[in-house]
Amino acid sequence: MTCHCFIRHATSPDEREAAAKRLKYSRSVGDTNGIIIAIAALSGDCPGREKNKEEKKNAKI
């Protein structure tokens, strides 16, 4: 499921890895805005993530 939030959440393993790398880089250069954006991508309740969990749950039934 794709995230359609203003700051896109990392919903797949590849996206989460990329966001973690951006966070690490932002920390290394002292980019506080980059840190905030990367943390937002890695956390929070994303409607896309919740919908994906619900679809998997319904598929098992």
PDB file of N, CA and C in Angstrom:
ATOM      1  N   MET A   1       0.848  -1.174   0.000  1.00  0.00           N
ATOM      2  CA  MET A   1       0.000   0.000   0.000  1.00  0.00           C
ATOM      3  C   MET A   1       0.887   1.228   0.000  1.00  0.00           C
ATOM      4  N   THR A   2       0.545   2.182  -0.794  1.00  0.00           N
ATOM      5  CA  THR A   2       1.308   3.424  -0.900  1.00  0.00           C
ATOM      6  C   THR A   2       0.774   4.461   0.075  1.00  0.00           C
ATOM      7  N   CYS A   3       1.676   5.183   0.670  1.00  0.00           N
ATOM      8  CA  CYS A   3       1.309   6.254   1.591  1.00  0.00           C
ATOM      9  C   CYS A   3       0.999   7.511   0.790  1.00  0.00           C
ATOM     10  N   HIS A   4      -0.098   8.174   1.139  1.00  0.00           N
ATOM     11  CA  HIS A   4      -0.483   9.422   0.482  1.00  0.00           C
ATOM     12  C   HIS A   4      -0.436  10.599   1.454  1.00  0.00           C
ATOM     13  N   CYS A   5       0.273  10.444   2.557  1.00  0.00           N
ATOM     14  CA  CYS A   5       0.396  11.510   3.546  1.00  0.00           C
ATOM     15  C   CYS A   5       1.328  12.604   3.029  1.00  0.00           C
ATOM     16  N   PHE A   6       1.249  13.800   3.620  1.00  0.00           N
ATOM     17  CA  PHE A   6       2.084  14.931   3.215  1.00  0.00           C
ATOM     18  C   PHE A   6       3.564  14.558   3.306  1.00  0.00           C
ATOM     19  N   ILE A   7       3.989  14.002   4.423  1.00  0.00           N
ATOM     20  CA  ILE A   7       5.329  13.416   4.549  1.00  0.00           C
ATOM     21  C   ILE A   7       5.113  11.917   4.455  1.00  0.00           C
ATOM     22  N   ARG A   8       5.554  11.341   3.372  1.00  0.00           N
ATOM     23  CA  ARG A   8       5.266   9.930   3.111  1.00  0.00           C
ATOM     24  C   ARG A   8       5.949   9.015   4.113  1.00  0.00           C
ATOM     25  N   HIS A   9       5.159   8.115   4.672  1.00  0.00           N
ATOM     26  CA  HIS A   9       5.681   7.116   5.596  1.00  0.00           C
ATOM     27  C   HIS A   9       6.368   6.020   4.798  1.00  0.00           C
ATOM     28  N   ALA A  10       7.406   5.486   5.371  1.00  0.00           N
ATOM     29  CA  ALA A  10       8.107   4.369   4.749  1.00  0.00           C
ATOM     30  C   ALA A  10       7.329   3.103   5.099  1.00  0.00           C
ATOM     31  N   THR A  11       6.619   2.533   4.127  1.00  0.00           N
ATOM     32  CA  THR A  11       5.751   1.393   4.416  1.00  0.00           C
ATOM     33  C   THR A  11       6.364   0.060   4.029  1.00  0.00           C
ATOM     34  N   SER A  12       7.300   0.029   3.106  1.00  0.00           N
ATOM     35  CA  SER A  12       7.922  -1.234   2.712  1.00  0.00           C
ATOM     36  C   SER A  12       9.314  -1.326   3.340  1.00  0.00           C
ATOM     37  N   PRO A  13       9.872  -2.524   3.411  1.00  0.00           N
ATOM     38  CA  PRO A  13      11.227  -2.668   3.976  1.00  0.00           C
ATOM     39  C   PRO A  13      12.268  -1.827   3.239  1.00  0.00           C
ATOM     40  N   ASP A  14      12.184  -1.751   1.917  1.00  0.00           N
ATOM     41  CA  ASP A  14      13.135  -0.943   1.148  1.00  0.00           C
ATOM     42  C   ASP A  14      13.004   0.545   1.474  1.00  0.00           C
ATOM     43  N   GLU A  15      11.767   1.013   1.594  1.00  0.00           N
ATOM     44  CA  GLU A  15      11.540   2.421   1.925  1.00  0.00           C
ATOM     45  C   GLU A  15      12.036   2.724   3.334  1.00  0.00           C
ATOM     46  N   ARG A  16      11.830   1.784   4.265  1.00  0.00           N
ATOM     47  CA  ARG A  16      12.291   1.980   5.641  1.00  0.00           C
ATOM     48  C   ARG A  16      13.818   2.032   5.698  1.00  0.00           C
ATOM     49  N   GLU A  17      14.471   1.199   4.915  1.00  0.00           N
ATOM     50  CA  GLU A  17      15.936   1.210   4.873  1.00  0.00           C
ATOM     51  C   GLU A  17      16.442   2.538   4.311  1.00  0.00           C
ATOM     52  N   ALA A  18      15.812   3.026   3.247  1.00  0.00           N
ATOM     53  CA  ALA A  18      16.209   4.295   2.642  1.00  0.00           C
ATOM     54  C   ALA A  18      15.995   5.451   3.616  1.00  0.00           C
ATOM     55  N   ALA A  19      14.876   5.447   4.329  1.00  0.00           N
ATOM     56  CA  ALA A  19      14.597   6.508   5.301  1.00  0.00           C
ATOM     57  C   ALA A  19      15.600   6.465   6.452  1.00  0.00           C
ATOM     58  N   ALA A  20      15.980   5.273   6.876  1.00  0.00           N
ATOM     59  CA  ALA A  20      16.974   5.137   7.941  1.00  0.00           C
ATOM     60  C   ALA A  20      18.329   5.683   7.479  1.00  0.00           C
ATOM     61  N   LYS A  21      18.676   5.448   6.221  1.00  0.00           N
ATOM     62  CA  LYS A  21      19.929   5.989   5.676  1.00  0.00           C
ATOM     63  C   LYS A  21      19.875   7.512   5.607  1.00  0.00           C
ATOM     64  N   ARG A  22      18.711   8.061   5.212  1.00  0.00           N
ATOM     65  CA  ARG A  22      18.559   9.521   5.186  1.00  0.00           C
ATOM     66  C   ARG A  22      18.681  10.104   6.587  1.00  0.00           C
ATOM     67  N   LEU A  23      18.127   9.409   7.574  1.00  0.00           N
ATOM     68  CA  LEU A  23      18.226   9.857   8.956  1.00  0.00           C
ATOM     69  C   LEU A  23      19.687   9.873   9.405  1.00  0.00           C
ATOM     70  N   LYS A  24      20.410   8.811   9.105  1.00  0.00           N
ATOM     71  CA  LYS A  24      21.820   8.718   9.481  1.00  0.00           C
ATOM     72  C   LYS A  24      22.625   9.839   8.827  1.00  0.00           C
ATOM     73  N   TYR A  25      22.371  10.084   7.537  1.00  0.00           N
ATOM     74  CA  TYR A  25      23.075  11.138   6.827  1.00  0.00           C
ATOM     75  C   TYR A  25      22.734  12.510   7.410  1.00  0.00           C
ATOM     76  N   SER A  26      21.460  12.754   7.662  1.00  0.00           N
ATOM     77  CA  SER A  26      21.038  14.041   8.211  1.00  0.00           C
ATOM     78  C   SER A  26      21.687  14.299   9.559  1.00  0.00           C
ATOM     79  N   ARG A  27      21.806  13.265  10.366  1.00  0.00           N
ATOM     80  CA  ARG A  27      22.480  13.407  11.658  1.00  0.00           C
ATOM     81  C   ARG A  27      23.950  13.752  11.462  1.00  0.00           C
ATOM     82  N   SER A  28      24.584  13.119  10.471  1.00  0.00           N
ATOM     83  CA  SER A  28      26.022  13.330  10.268  1.00  0.00           C
ATOM     84  C   SER A  28      26.349  14.746   9.796  1.00  0.00           C
ATOM     85  N   VAL A  29      25.442  15.383   9.080  1.00  0.00           N
ATOM     86  CA  VAL A  29      25.695  16.742   8.590  1.00  0.00           C
ATOM     87  C   VAL A  29      24.991  17.806   9.429  1.00  0.00           C
ATOM     88  N   GLY A  30      24.241  17.392  10.451  1.00  0.00           N
ATOM     89  CA  GLY A  30      23.568  18.336  11.327  1.00  0.00           C
ATOM     90  C   GLY A  30      22.343  18.991  10.709  1.00  0.00           C
ATOM     91  N   ASP A  31      21.677  18.286   9.803  1.00  0.00           N
ATOM     92  CA  ASP A  31      20.478  18.804   9.129  1.00  0.00           C
ATOM     93  C   ASP A  31      19.257  18.487   9.977  1.00  0.00           C
ATOM     94  N   THR A  32      18.847  19.435  10.820  1.00  0.00           N
ATOM     95  CA  THR A  32      17.736  19.171  11.734  1.00  0.00           C
ATOM     96  C   THR A  32      16.412  18.967  10.995  1.00  0.00           C
ATOM     97  N   ASN A  33      16.194  19.680   9.903  1.00  0.00           N
ATOM     98  CA  ASN A  33      14.961  19.466   9.134  1.00  0.00           C
ATOM     99  C   ASN A  33      14.942  18.069   8.519  1.00  0.00           C
ATOM    100  N   GLY A  34      16.072  17.620   8.003  1.00  0.00           N
ATOM    101  CA  GLY A  34      16.163  16.274   7.441  1.00  0.00           C
ATOM    102  C   GLY A  34      15.910  15.211   8.490  1.00  0.00           C
ATOM    103  N   ILE A  35      16.404  15.457   9.703  1.00  0.00           N
ATOM    104  CA  ILE A  35      16.185  14.514  10.810  1.00  0.00           C
ATOM    105  C   ILE A  35      14.697  14.409  11.112  1.00  0.00           C
ATOM    106  N   ILE A  36      14.029  15.543  11.192  1.00  0.00           N
ATOM    107  CA  ILE A  36      12.591  15.551  11.499  1.00  0.00           C
ATOM    108  C   ILE A  36      11.799  14.824  10.415  1.00  0.00           C
ATOM    109  N   ILE A  37      12.128  15.088   9.155  1.00  0.00           N
ATOM    110  CA  ILE A  37      11.406  14.448   8.054  1.00  0.00           C
ATOM    111  C   ILE A  37      11.647  12.946   8.046  1.00  0.00           C
ATOM    112  N   ALA A  38      12.888  12.523   8.262  1.00  0.00           N
ATOM    113  CA  ALA A  38      13.195  11.089   8.277  1.00  0.00           C
ATOM    114  C   ALA A  38      12.485  10.385   9.430  1.00  0.00           C
ATOM    115  N   ILE A  39      12.463  11.015  10.590  1.00  0.00           N
ATOM    116  CA  ILE A  39      11.763  10.419  11.737  1.00  0.00           C
ATOM    117  C   ILE A  39      10.262  10.331  11.452  1.00  0.00           C
ATOM    118  N   ALA A  40       9.705  11.361  10.823  1.00  0.00           N
ATOM    119  CA  ALA A  40       8.278  11.331  10.474  1.00  0.00           C
ATOM    120  C   ALA A  40       7.987  10.198   9.494  1.00  0.00           C
ATOM    121  N   ALA A  41       8.903   9.948   8.564  1.00  0.00           N
ATOM    122  CA  ALA A  41       8.710   8.868   7.600  1.00  0.00           C
ATOM    123  C   ALA A  41       8.756   7.503   8.277  1.00  0.00           C
ATOM    124  N   LEU A  42       9.533   7.398   9.345  1.00  0.00           N
ATOM    125  CA  LEU A  42       9.708   6.112  10.028  1.00  0.00           C
ATOM    126  C   LEU A  42       8.708   5.869  11.154  1.00  0.00           C
ATOM    127  N   SER A  43       7.951   6.874  11.523  1.00  0.00           N
ATOM    128  CA  SER A  43       7.049   6.699  12.670  1.00  0.00           C
ATOM    129  C   SER A  43       5.651   7.202  12.351  1.00  0.00           C
ATOM    130  N   GLY A  44       4.778   7.048  13.299  1.00  0.00           N
ATOM    131  CA  GLY A  44       3.417   7.546  13.155  1.00  0.00           C
ATOM    132  C   GLY A  44       2.466   6.506  12.597  1.00  0.00           C
ATOM    133  N   ASP A  45       1.205   6.815  12.676  1.00  0.00           N
ATOM    134  CA  ASP A  45       0.160   5.943  12.164  1.00  0.00           C
ATOM    135  C   ASP A  45      -0.200   6.372  10.749  1.00  0.00           C
ATOM    136  N   CYS A  46       0.180   5.563   9.799  1.00  0.00           N
ATOM    137  CA  CYS A  46      -0.115   5.850   8.399  1.00  0.00           C
ATOM    138  C   CYS A  46      -1.395   5.114   7.994  1.00  0.00           C
ATOM    139  N   PRO A  47      -2.338   5.804   7.382  1.00  0.00           N
ATOM    140  CA  PRO A  47      -3.556   5.129   6.925  1.00  0.00           C
ATOM    141  C   PRO A  47      -3.247   3.995   5.946  1.00  0.00           C
ATOM    142  N   GLY A  48      -2.223   4.166   5.128  1.00  0.00           N
ATOM    143  CA  GLY A  48      -1.833   3.122   4.181  1.00  0.00           C
ATOM    144  C   GLY A  48      -1.336   1.871   4.889  1.00  0.00           C
ATOM    145  N   ARG A  49      -0.565   2.064   5.947  1.00  0.00           N
ATOM    146  CA  ARG A  49      -0.042   0.939   6.721  1.00  0.00           C
ATOM    147  C   ARG A  49      -1.185   0.220   7.425  1.00  0.00           C
ATOM    148  N   GLU A  50      -2.121   0.984   7.972  1.00  0.00           N
ATOM    149  CA  GLU A  50      -3.266   0.392   8.658  1.00  0.00           C
ATOM    150  C   GLU A  50      -4.150  -0.380   7.682  1.00  0.00           C
ATOM    151  N   LYS A  51      -4.359   0.161   6.497  1.00  0.00           N
ATOM    152  CA  LYS A  51      -5.178  -0.519   5.494  1.00  0.00           C
ATOM    153  C   LYS A  51      -4.508  -1.810   5.057  1.00  0.00           C
ATOM    154  N   ASN A  52      -3.174  -1.791   4.913  1.00  0.00           N
ATOM    155  CA  ASN A  52      -2.429  -2.972   4.513  1.00  0.00           C
ATOM    156  C   ASN A  52      -2.564  -4.068   5.570  1.00  0.00           C
ATOM    157  N   LYS A  53      -2.506  -3.695   6.853  1.00  0.00           N
ATOM    158  CA  LYS A  53      -2.673  -4.674   7.926  1.00  0.00           C
ATOM    159  C   LYS A  53      -4.067  -5.291   7.870  1.00  0.00           C
ATOM    160  N   GLU A  54      -5.072  -4.460   7.623  1.00  0.00           N
ATOM    161  CA  GLU A  54      -6.452  -4.945   7.556  1.00  0.00           C
ATOM    162  C   GLU A  54      -6.640  -5.895   6.373  1.00  0.00           C
ATOM    163  N   GLU A  55      -6.038  -5.576   5.221  1.00  0.00           N
ATOM    164  CA  GLU A  55      -6.149  -6.447   4.042  1.00  0.00           C
ATOM    165  C   GLU A  55      -5.521  -7.808   4.318  1.00  0.00           C
ATOM    166  N   LYS A  56      -4.363  -7.825   4.985  1.00  0.00           N
ATOM    167  CA  LYS A  56      -3.699  -9.092   5.314  1.00  0.00           C
ATOM    168  C   LYS A  56      -4.556  -9.905   6.291  1.00  0.00           C
ATOM    169  N   LYS A  57      -5.183  -9.206   7.263  1.00  0.00           N
ATOM    170  CA  LYS A  57      -6.019  -9.879   8.232  1.00  0.00           C
ATOM    171  C   LYS A  57      -7.228 -10.519   7.555  1.00  0.00           C
ATOM    172  N   ASN A  58      -7.867  -9.792   6.638  1.00  0.00           N
ATOM    173  CA  ASN A  58      -9.029 -10.304   5.931  1.00  0.00           C
ATOM    174  C   ASN A  58      -8.666 -11.436   4.968  1.00  0.00           C
ATOM    175  N   ALA A  59      -7.468 -11.427   4.432  1.00  0.00           N
ATOM    176  CA  ALA A  59      -7.031 -12.473   3.519  1.00  0.00           C
ATOM    177  C   ALA A  59      -6.873 -13.814   4.240  1.00  0.00           C
ATOM    178  N   LYS A  60      -6.536 -13.763   5.530  1.00  0.00           N
ATOM    179  CA  LYS A  60      -6.358 -14.982   6.311  1.00  0.00           C
ATOM    180  C   LYS A  60      -7.671 -15.633   6.680  1.00  0.00           C
ATOM    181  N   ILE A  61      -8.748 -14.852   6.656  1.00  0.00           N
ATOM    182  CA  ILE A  61     -10.060 -15.364   7.076  1.00  0.00           C
ATOM    183  C   ILE A  61     -10.682 -16.217   6.002  1.00  0.00           C
TER     184      ILE A  61
END
